[in-house]
């Protein structure tokens, strides 16, 4: 899983890719949970945290760009 410092060093495109990838992983894990085949239910929480981190960093960058203008 990615820490905030590592995510902040990524470009916008890399962040977008990380977000899509993490959301797909979360979907797969939720699907496995529905079929009662989920080996690690704690991964749902971890993936949700990563998604929140990525979205927070993206929003910080949007605010920074808006403040420059």
PDB file of N, CA and C in Angstrom:
ATOM      1  N   UNK A   1       0.835  -1.185   0.000  1.00  0.00           N
ATOM      2  CA  UNK A   1       0.000   0.000   0.000  1.00  0.00           C
ATOM      3  C   UNK A   1       0.880   1.249   0.000  1.00  0.00           C
ATOM      4  N   UNK A   2       0.343   2.296  -0.513  1.00  0.00           N
ATOM      5  CA  UNK A   2       1.114   3.519  -0.697  1.00  0.00           C
ATOM      6  C   UNK A   2       0.935   4.475   0.473  1.00  0.00           C
ATOM      7  N   UNK A   3       2.039   5.064   0.870  1.00  0.00           N
ATOM      8  CA  UNK A   3       1.996   6.104   1.886  1.00  0.00           C
ATOM      9  C   UNK A   3       1.835   7.448   1.206  1.00  0.00           C
ATOM     10  N   UNK A   4       1.413   8.442   1.975  1.00  0.00           N
ATOM     11  CA  UNK A   4       1.133   9.763   1.416  1.00  0.00           C
ATOM     12  C   UNK A   4       2.372  10.384   0.783  1.00  0.00           C
ATOM     13  N   UNK A   5       3.527  10.222   1.403  1.00  0.00           N
ATOM     14  CA  UNK A   5       4.756  10.807   0.846  1.00  0.00           C
ATOM     15  C   UNK A   5       5.076  10.230  -0.527  1.00  0.00           C
ATOM     16  N   UNK A   6       4.898   8.951  -0.679  1.00  0.00           N
ATOM     17  CA  UNK A   6       5.164   8.306  -1.963  1.00  0.00           C
ATOM     18  C   UNK A   6       4.160   8.796  -3.000  1.00  0.00           C
ATOM     19  N   UNK A   7       2.897   8.934  -2.592  1.00  0.00           N
ATOM     20  CA  UNK A   7       1.871   9.386  -3.524  1.00  0.00           C
ATOM     21  C   UNK A   7       2.106  10.828  -3.956  1.00  0.00           C
ATOM     22  N   UNK A   8       2.583  11.661  -3.055  1.00  0.00           N
ATOM     23  CA  UNK A   8       2.822  13.066  -3.384  1.00  0.00           C
ATOM     24  C   UNK A   8       3.943  13.227  -4.419  1.00  0.00           C
ATOM     25  N   UNK A   9       4.843  12.276  -4.476  1.00  0.00           N
ATOM     26  CA  UNK A   9       5.940  12.331  -5.435  1.00  0.00           C
ATOM     27  C   UNK A   9       5.507  11.912  -6.839  1.00  0.00           C
ATOM     28  N   UNK A  10       4.338  11.317  -6.957  1.00  0.00           N
ATOM     29  CA  UNK A  10       3.845  10.841  -8.243  1.00  0.00           C
ATOM     30  C   UNK A  10       3.298  12.002  -9.072  1.00  0.00           C
ATOM     31  N   UNK A  11       3.306  11.803 -10.381  1.00  0.00           N
ATOM     32  CA  UNK A  11       2.707  12.793 -11.275  1.00  0.00           C
ATOM     33  C   UNK A  11       1.189  12.624 -11.244  1.00  0.00           C
ATOM     34  N   UNK A  12       0.493  13.563 -11.879  1.00  0.00           N
ATOM     35  CA  UNK A  12      -0.968  13.496 -11.923  1.00  0.00           C
ATOM     36  C   UNK A  12      -1.455  12.237 -12.640  1.00  0.00           C
ATOM     37  N   UNK A  13      -0.767  11.874 -13.713  1.00  0.00           N
ATOM     38  CA  UNK A  13      -1.151  10.682 -14.465  1.00  0.00           C
ATOM     39  C   UNK A  13      -0.932   9.418 -13.639  1.00  0.00           C
ATOM     40  N   UNK A  14       0.165   9.382 -12.907  1.00  0.00           N
ATOM     41  CA  UNK A  14       0.449   8.225 -12.063  1.00  0.00           C
ATOM     42  C   UNK A  14      -0.589   8.113 -10.948  1.00  0.00           C
ATOM     43  N   UNK A  15      -0.981   9.241 -10.384  1.00  0.00           N
ATOM     44  CA  UNK A  15      -2.012   9.226  -9.342  1.00  0.00           C
ATOM     45  C   UNK A  15      -3.331   8.706  -9.898  1.00  0.00           C
ATOM     46  N   UNK A  16      -3.682   9.166 -11.086  1.00  0.00           N
ATOM     47  CA  UNK A  16      -4.926   8.719 -11.711  1.00  0.00           C
ATOM     48  C   UNK A  16      -4.893   7.214 -11.957  1.00  0.00           C
ATOM     49  N   UNK A  17      -3.758   6.718 -12.414  1.00  0.00           N
ATOM     50  CA  UNK A  17      -3.601   5.279 -12.641  1.00  0.00           C
ATOM     51  C   UNK A  17      -3.701   4.513 -11.318  1.00  0.00           C
ATOM     52  N   UNK A  18      -3.049   5.006 -10.294  1.00  0.00           N
ATOM     53  CA  UNK A  18      -3.095   4.373  -8.967  1.00  0.00           C
ATOM     54  C   UNK A  18      -4.529   4.334  -8.450  1.00  0.00           C
ATOM     55  N   UNK A  19      -5.264   5.411  -8.646  1.00  0.00           N
ATOM     56  CA  UNK A  19      -6.654   5.471  -8.195  1.00  0.00           C
ATOM     57  C   UNK A  19      -7.493   4.425  -8.918  1.00  0.00           C
ATOM     58  N   UNK A  20      -7.377   4.376 -10.239  1.00  0.00           N
ATOM     59  CA  UNK A  20      -8.153   3.390 -11.008  1.00  0.00           C
ATOM     60  C   UNK A  20      -7.812   1.965 -10.594  1.00  0.00           C
ATOM     61  N   UNK A  21      -6.524   1.698 -10.439  1.00  0.00           N
ATOM     62  CA  UNK A  21      -6.073   0.359 -10.071  1.00  0.00           C
ATOM     63  C   UNK A  21      -6.595  -0.047  -8.691  1.00  0.00           C
ATOM     64  N   UNK A  22      -6.537   0.876  -7.749  1.00  0.00           N
ATOM     65  CA  UNK A  22      -6.992   0.597  -6.392  1.00  0.00           C
ATOM     66  C   UNK A  22      -8.505   0.394  -6.358  1.00  0.00           C
ATOM     67  N   UNK A  23      -9.243   1.194  -7.121  1.00  0.00           N
ATOM     68  CA  UNK A  23     -10.692   1.029  -7.171  1.00  0.00           C
ATOM     69  C   UNK A  23     -11.072  -0.317  -7.776  1.00  0.00           C
ATOM     70  N   UNK A  24     -10.340  -0.761  -8.778  1.00  0.00           N
ATOM     71  CA  UNK A  24     -10.605  -2.072  -9.367  1.00  0.00           C
ATOM     72  C   UNK A  24     -10.312  -3.189  -8.372  1.00  0.00           C
ATOM     73  N   UNK A  25      -9.242  -3.041  -7.612  1.00  0.00           N
ATOM     74  CA  UNK A  25      -8.908  -4.038  -6.600  1.00  0.00           C
ATOM     75  C   UNK A  25      -9.986  -4.098  -5.536  1.00  0.00           C
ATOM     76  N   UNK A  26     -10.465  -2.931  -5.132  1.00  0.00           N
ATOM     77  CA  UNK A  26     -11.528  -2.878  -4.130  1.00  0.00           C
ATOM     78  C   UNK A  26     -12.785  -3.562  -4.648  1.00  0.00           C
ATOM     79  N   UNK A  27     -13.118  -3.325  -5.913  1.00  0.00           N
ATOM     80  CA  UNK A  27     -14.281  -3.971  -6.505  1.00  0.00           C
ATOM     81  C   UNK A  27     -14.135  -5.487  -6.476  1.00  0.00           C
ATOM     82  N   UNK A  28     -12.953  -5.972  -6.857  1.00  0.00           N
ATOM     83  CA  UNK A  28     -12.726  -7.427  -6.860  1.00  0.00           C
ATOM     84  C   UNK A  28     -12.855  -8.015  -5.457  1.00  0.00           C
ATOM     85  N   UNK A  29     -12.310  -7.317  -4.467  1.00  0.00           N
ATOM     86  CA  UNK A  29     -12.381  -7.827  -3.094  1.00  0.00           C
ATOM     87  C   UNK A  29     -13.815  -7.814  -2.591  1.00  0.00           C
ATOM     88  N   UNK A  30     -14.567  -6.770  -2.930  1.00  0.00           N
ATOM     89  CA  UNK A  30     -15.975  -6.728  -2.520  1.00  0.00           C
ATOM     90  C   UNK A  30     -16.765  -7.840  -3.205  1.00  0.00           C
ATOM     91  N   UNK A  31     -16.437  -8.109  -4.438  1.00  0.00           N
ATOM     92  CA  UNK A  31     -17.109  -9.198  -5.161  1.00  0.00           C
ATOM     93  C   UNK A  31     -16.789 -10.530  -4.498  1.00  0.00           C
ATOM     94  N   UNK A  32     -15.546 -10.730  -4.091  1.00  0.00           N
ATOM     95  CA  UNK A  32     -15.166 -11.955  -3.402  1.00  0.00           C
ATOM     96  C   UNK A  32     -15.893 -12.063  -2.065  1.00  0.00           C
ATOM     97  N   UNK A  33     -16.079 -10.939  -1.383  1.00  0.00           N
ATOM     98  CA  UNK A  33     -16.800 -10.951  -0.114  1.00  0.00           C
ATOM     99  C   UNK A  33     -18.246 -11.386  -0.311  1.00  0.00           C
ATOM    100  N   UNK A  34     -18.834 -10.945  -1.395  1.00  0.00           N
ATOM    101  CA  UNK A  34     -20.219 -11.298  -1.681  1.00  0.00           C
ATOM    102  C   UNK A  34     -20.365 -12.790  -1.943  1.00  0.00           C
ATOM    103  N   UNK A  35     -19.327 -13.393  -2.497  1.00  0.00           N
ATOM    104  CA  UNK A  35     -19.378 -14.826  -2.769  1.00  0.00           C
ATOM    105  C   UNK A  35     -18.754 -15.637  -1.632  1.00  0.00           C
ATOM    106  N   UNK A  36     -18.478 -14.972  -0.515  1.00  0.00           N
ATOM    107  CA  UNK A  36     -17.927 -15.590   0.695  1.00  0.00           C
ATOM    108  C   UNK A  36     -16.599 -16.285   0.441  1.00  0.00           C
ATOM    109  N   UNK A  37     -15.765 -15.667  -0.352  1.00  0.00           N
ATOM    110  CA  UNK A  37     -14.467 -16.252  -0.652  1.00  0.00           C
ATOM    111  C   UNK A  37     -13.339 -15.271  -0.314  1.00  0.00           C
ATOM    112  N   UNK A  38     -13.632 -14.294   0.537  1.00  0.00           N
ATOM    113  CA  UNK A  38     -12.664 -13.258   0.876  1.00  0.00           C
ATOM    114  C   UNK A  38     -11.720 -13.772   1.965  1.00  0.00           C
ATOM    115  N   UNK A  39     -10.446 -13.862   1.631  1.00  0.00           N
ATOM    116  CA  UNK A  39      -9.462 -14.365   2.583  1.00  0.00           C
ATOM    117  C   UNK A  39      -9.022 -13.289   3.570  1.00  0.00           C
ATOM    118  N   UNK A  40      -8.950 -12.045   3.121  1.00  0.00           N
ATOM    119  CA  UNK A  40      -8.459 -10.971   3.981  1.00  0.00           C
ATOM    120  C   UNK A  40      -9.426  -9.791   3.967  1.00  0.00           C
ATOM    121  N   UNK A  41     -10.381  -9.781   4.867  1.00  0.00           N
ATOM    122  CA  UNK A  41     -11.349  -8.683   4.904  1.00  0.00           C
ATOM    123  C   UNK A  41     -10.723  -7.343   5.295  1.00  0.00           C
ATOM    124  N   UNK A  42      -9.555  -7.364   5.905  1.00  0.00           N
ATOM    125  CA  UNK A  42      -8.907  -6.109   6.285  1.00  0.00           C
ATOM    126  C   UNK A  42      -8.406  -5.332   5.074  1.00  0.00           C
ATOM    127  N   UNK A  43      -8.280  -6.010   3.940  1.00  0.00           N
ATOM    128  CA  UNK A  43      -7.831  -5.323   2.716  1.00  0.00           C
ATOM    129  C   UNK A  43      -8.836  -4.290   2.236  1.00  0.00           C
ATOM    130  N   UNK A  44     -10.115  -4.486   2.533  1.00  0.00           N
ATOM    131  CA  UNK A  44     -11.135  -3.521   2.116  1.00  0.00           C
ATOM    132  C   UNK A  44     -10.838  -2.172   2.757  1.00  0.00           C
ATOM    133  N   UNK A  45     -10.558  -2.174   4.032  1.00  0.00           N
ATOM    134  CA  UNK A  45     -10.265  -0.937   4.752  1.00  0.00           C
ATOM    135  C   UNK A  45      -8.987  -0.285   4.225  1.00  0.00           C
ATOM    136  N   UNK A  46      -7.969  -1.093   3.986  1.00  0.00           N
ATOM    137  CA  UNK A  46      -6.698  -0.559   3.494  1.00  0.00           C
ATOM    138  C   UNK A  46      -6.855   0.080   2.122  1.00  0.00           C
ATOM    139  N   UNK A  47      -7.598  -0.566   1.242  1.00  0.00           N
ATOM    140  CA  UNK A  47      -7.797  -0.024  -0.095  1.00  0.00           C
ATOM    141  C   UNK A  47      -8.617   1.263  -0.050  1.00  0.00           C
ATOM    142  N   UNK A  48      -9.610   1.308   0.818  1.00  0.00           N
ATOM    143  CA  UNK A  48     -10.405   2.530   0.955  1.00  0.00           C
ATOM    144  C   UNK A  48      -9.539   3.681   1.458  1.00  0.00           C
ATOM    145  N   UNK A  49      -8.597   3.387   2.341  1.00  0.00           N
ATOM    146  CA  UNK A  49      -7.694   4.422   2.836  1.00  0.00           C
ATOM    147  C   UNK A  49      -6.785   4.936   1.728  1.00  0.00           C
ATOM    148  N   UNK A  50      -6.293   4.040   0.888  1.00  0.00           N
ATOM    149  CA  UNK A  50      -5.435   4.458  -0.227  1.00  0.00           C
ATOM    150  C   UNK A  50      -6.224   5.336  -1.193  1.00  0.00           C
ATOM    151  N   UNK A  51      -7.461   4.944  -1.481  1.00  0.00           N
ATOM    152  CA  UNK A  51      -8.304   5.751  -2.369  1.00  0.00           C
ATOM    153  C   UNK A  51      -8.501   7.139  -1.777  1.00  0.00           C
ATOM    154  N   UNK A  52      -8.760   7.210  -0.486  1.00  0.00           N
ATOM    155  CA  UNK A  52      -8.943   8.503   0.173  1.00  0.00           C
ATOM    156  C   UNK A  52      -7.673   9.340   0.104  1.00  0.00           C
ATOM    157  N   UNK A  53      -6.521   8.722   0.299  1.00  0.00           N
ATOM    158  CA  UNK A  53      -5.249   9.450   0.217  1.00  0.00           C
ATOM    159  C   UNK A  53      -5.037  10.030  -1.179  1.00  0.00           C
ATOM    160  N   UNK A  54      -5.278   9.218  -2.185  1.00  0.00           N
ATOM    161  CA  UNK A  54      -5.066   9.669  -3.562  1.00  0.00           C
ATOM    162  C   UNK A  54      -6.009  10.830  -3.880  1.00  0.00           C
ATOM    163  N   UNK A  55      -7.274  10.692  -3.510  1.00  0.00           N
ATOM    164  CA  UNK A  55      -8.232  11.753  -3.791  1.00  0.00           C
ATOM    165  C   UNK A  55      -7.887  13.030  -3.027  1.00  0.00           C
ATOM    166  N   UNK A  56      -7.381  12.891  -1.810  1.00  0.00           N
ATOM    167  CA  UNK A  56      -6.976  14.055  -1.025  1.00  0.00           C
ATOM    168  C   UNK A  56      -5.824  14.780  -1.701  1.00  0.00           C
ATOM    169  N   UNK A  57      -4.843  14.043  -2.173  1.00  0.00           N
ATOM    170  CA  UNK A  57      -3.692  14.656  -2.841  1.00  0.00           C
ATOM    171  C   UNK A  57      -4.125  15.314  -4.141  1.00  0.00           C
ATOM    172  N   UNK A  58      -5.022  14.668  -4.886  1.00  0.00           N
ATOM    173  CA  UNK A  58      -5.521  15.278  -6.110  1.00  0.00           C
ATOM    174  C   UNK A  58      -6.242  16.590  -5.802  1.00  0.00           C
ATOM    175  N   UNK A  59      -7.020  16.612  -4.746  1.00  0.00           N
ATOM    176  CA  UNK A  59      -7.744  17.830  -4.366  1.00  0.00           C
ATOM    177  C   UNK A  59      -6.777  18.923  -3.905  1.00  0.00           C
ATOM    178  N   UNK A  60      -5.747  18.544  -3.165  1.00  0.00           N
ATOM    179  CA  UNK A  60      -4.737  19.522  -2.744  1.00  0.00           C
ATOM    180  C   UNK A  60      -4.096  20.185  -3.960  1.00  0.00           C
ATOM    181  N   UNK A  61      -3.825  19.393  -4.985  1.00  0.00           N
ATOM    182  CA  UNK A  61      -3.213  19.938  -6.205  1.00  0.00           C
ATOM    183  C   UNK A  61      -4.181  20.860  -6.938  1.00  0.00           C
ATOM    184  N   UNK A  62      -5.460  20.506  -6.960  1.00  0.00           N
ATOM    185  CA  UNK A  62      -6.454  21.368  -7.596  1.00  0.00           C
ATOM    186  C   UNK A  62      -6.541  22.714  -6.883  1.00  0.00           C
ATOM    187  N   UNK A  63      -6.517  22.692  -5.566  1.00  0.00           N
ATOM    188  CA  UNK A  63      -6.590  23.917  -4.786  1.00  0.00           C
ATOM    189  C   UNK A  63      -5.349  24.766  -5.023  1.00  0.00           C
ATOM    190  N   UNK A  64      -4.187  24.124  -5.103  1.00  0.00           N
ATOM    191  CA  UNK A  64      -2.937  24.851  -5.327  1.00  0.00           C
ATOM    192  C   UNK A  64      -2.954  25.546  -6.694  1.00  0.00           C
ATOM    193  N   UNK A  65      -3.465  24.870  -7.707  1.00  0.00           N
ATOM    194  CA  UNK A  65      -3.541  25.460  -9.044  1.00  0.00           C
ATOM    195  C   UNK A  65      -4.522  26.622  -9.040  1.00  0.00           C
ATOM    196  N   UNK A  66      -5.642  26.471  -8.361  1.00  0.00           N
ATOM    197  CA  UNK A  66      -6.637  27.538  -8.300  1.00  0.00           C
ATOM    198  C   UNK A  66      -6.094  28.753  -7.542  1.00  0.00           C
ATOM    199  N   UNK A  67      -5.280  28.517  -6.544  1.00  0.00           N
ATOM    200  CA  UNK A  67      -4.709  29.615  -5.756  1.00  0.00           C
ATOM    201  C   UNK A  67      -3.679  30.400  -6.572  1.00  0.00           C
ATOM    202  N   UNK A  68      -3.006  29.731  -7.493  1.00  0.00           N
ATOM    203  CA  UNK A  68      -2.006  30.406  -8.336  1.00  0.00           C
ATOM    204  C   UNK A  68      -2.663  31.353  -9.325  1.00  0.00           C
ATOM    205  N   UNK A  69      -3.873  31.021  -9.743  1.00  0.00           N
ATOM    206  CA  UNK A  69      -4.574  31.845 -10.760  1.00  0.00           C
ATOM    207  C   UNK A  69      -5.252  32.997 -10.149  1.00  0.00           C
TER     208      UNK A  69
END
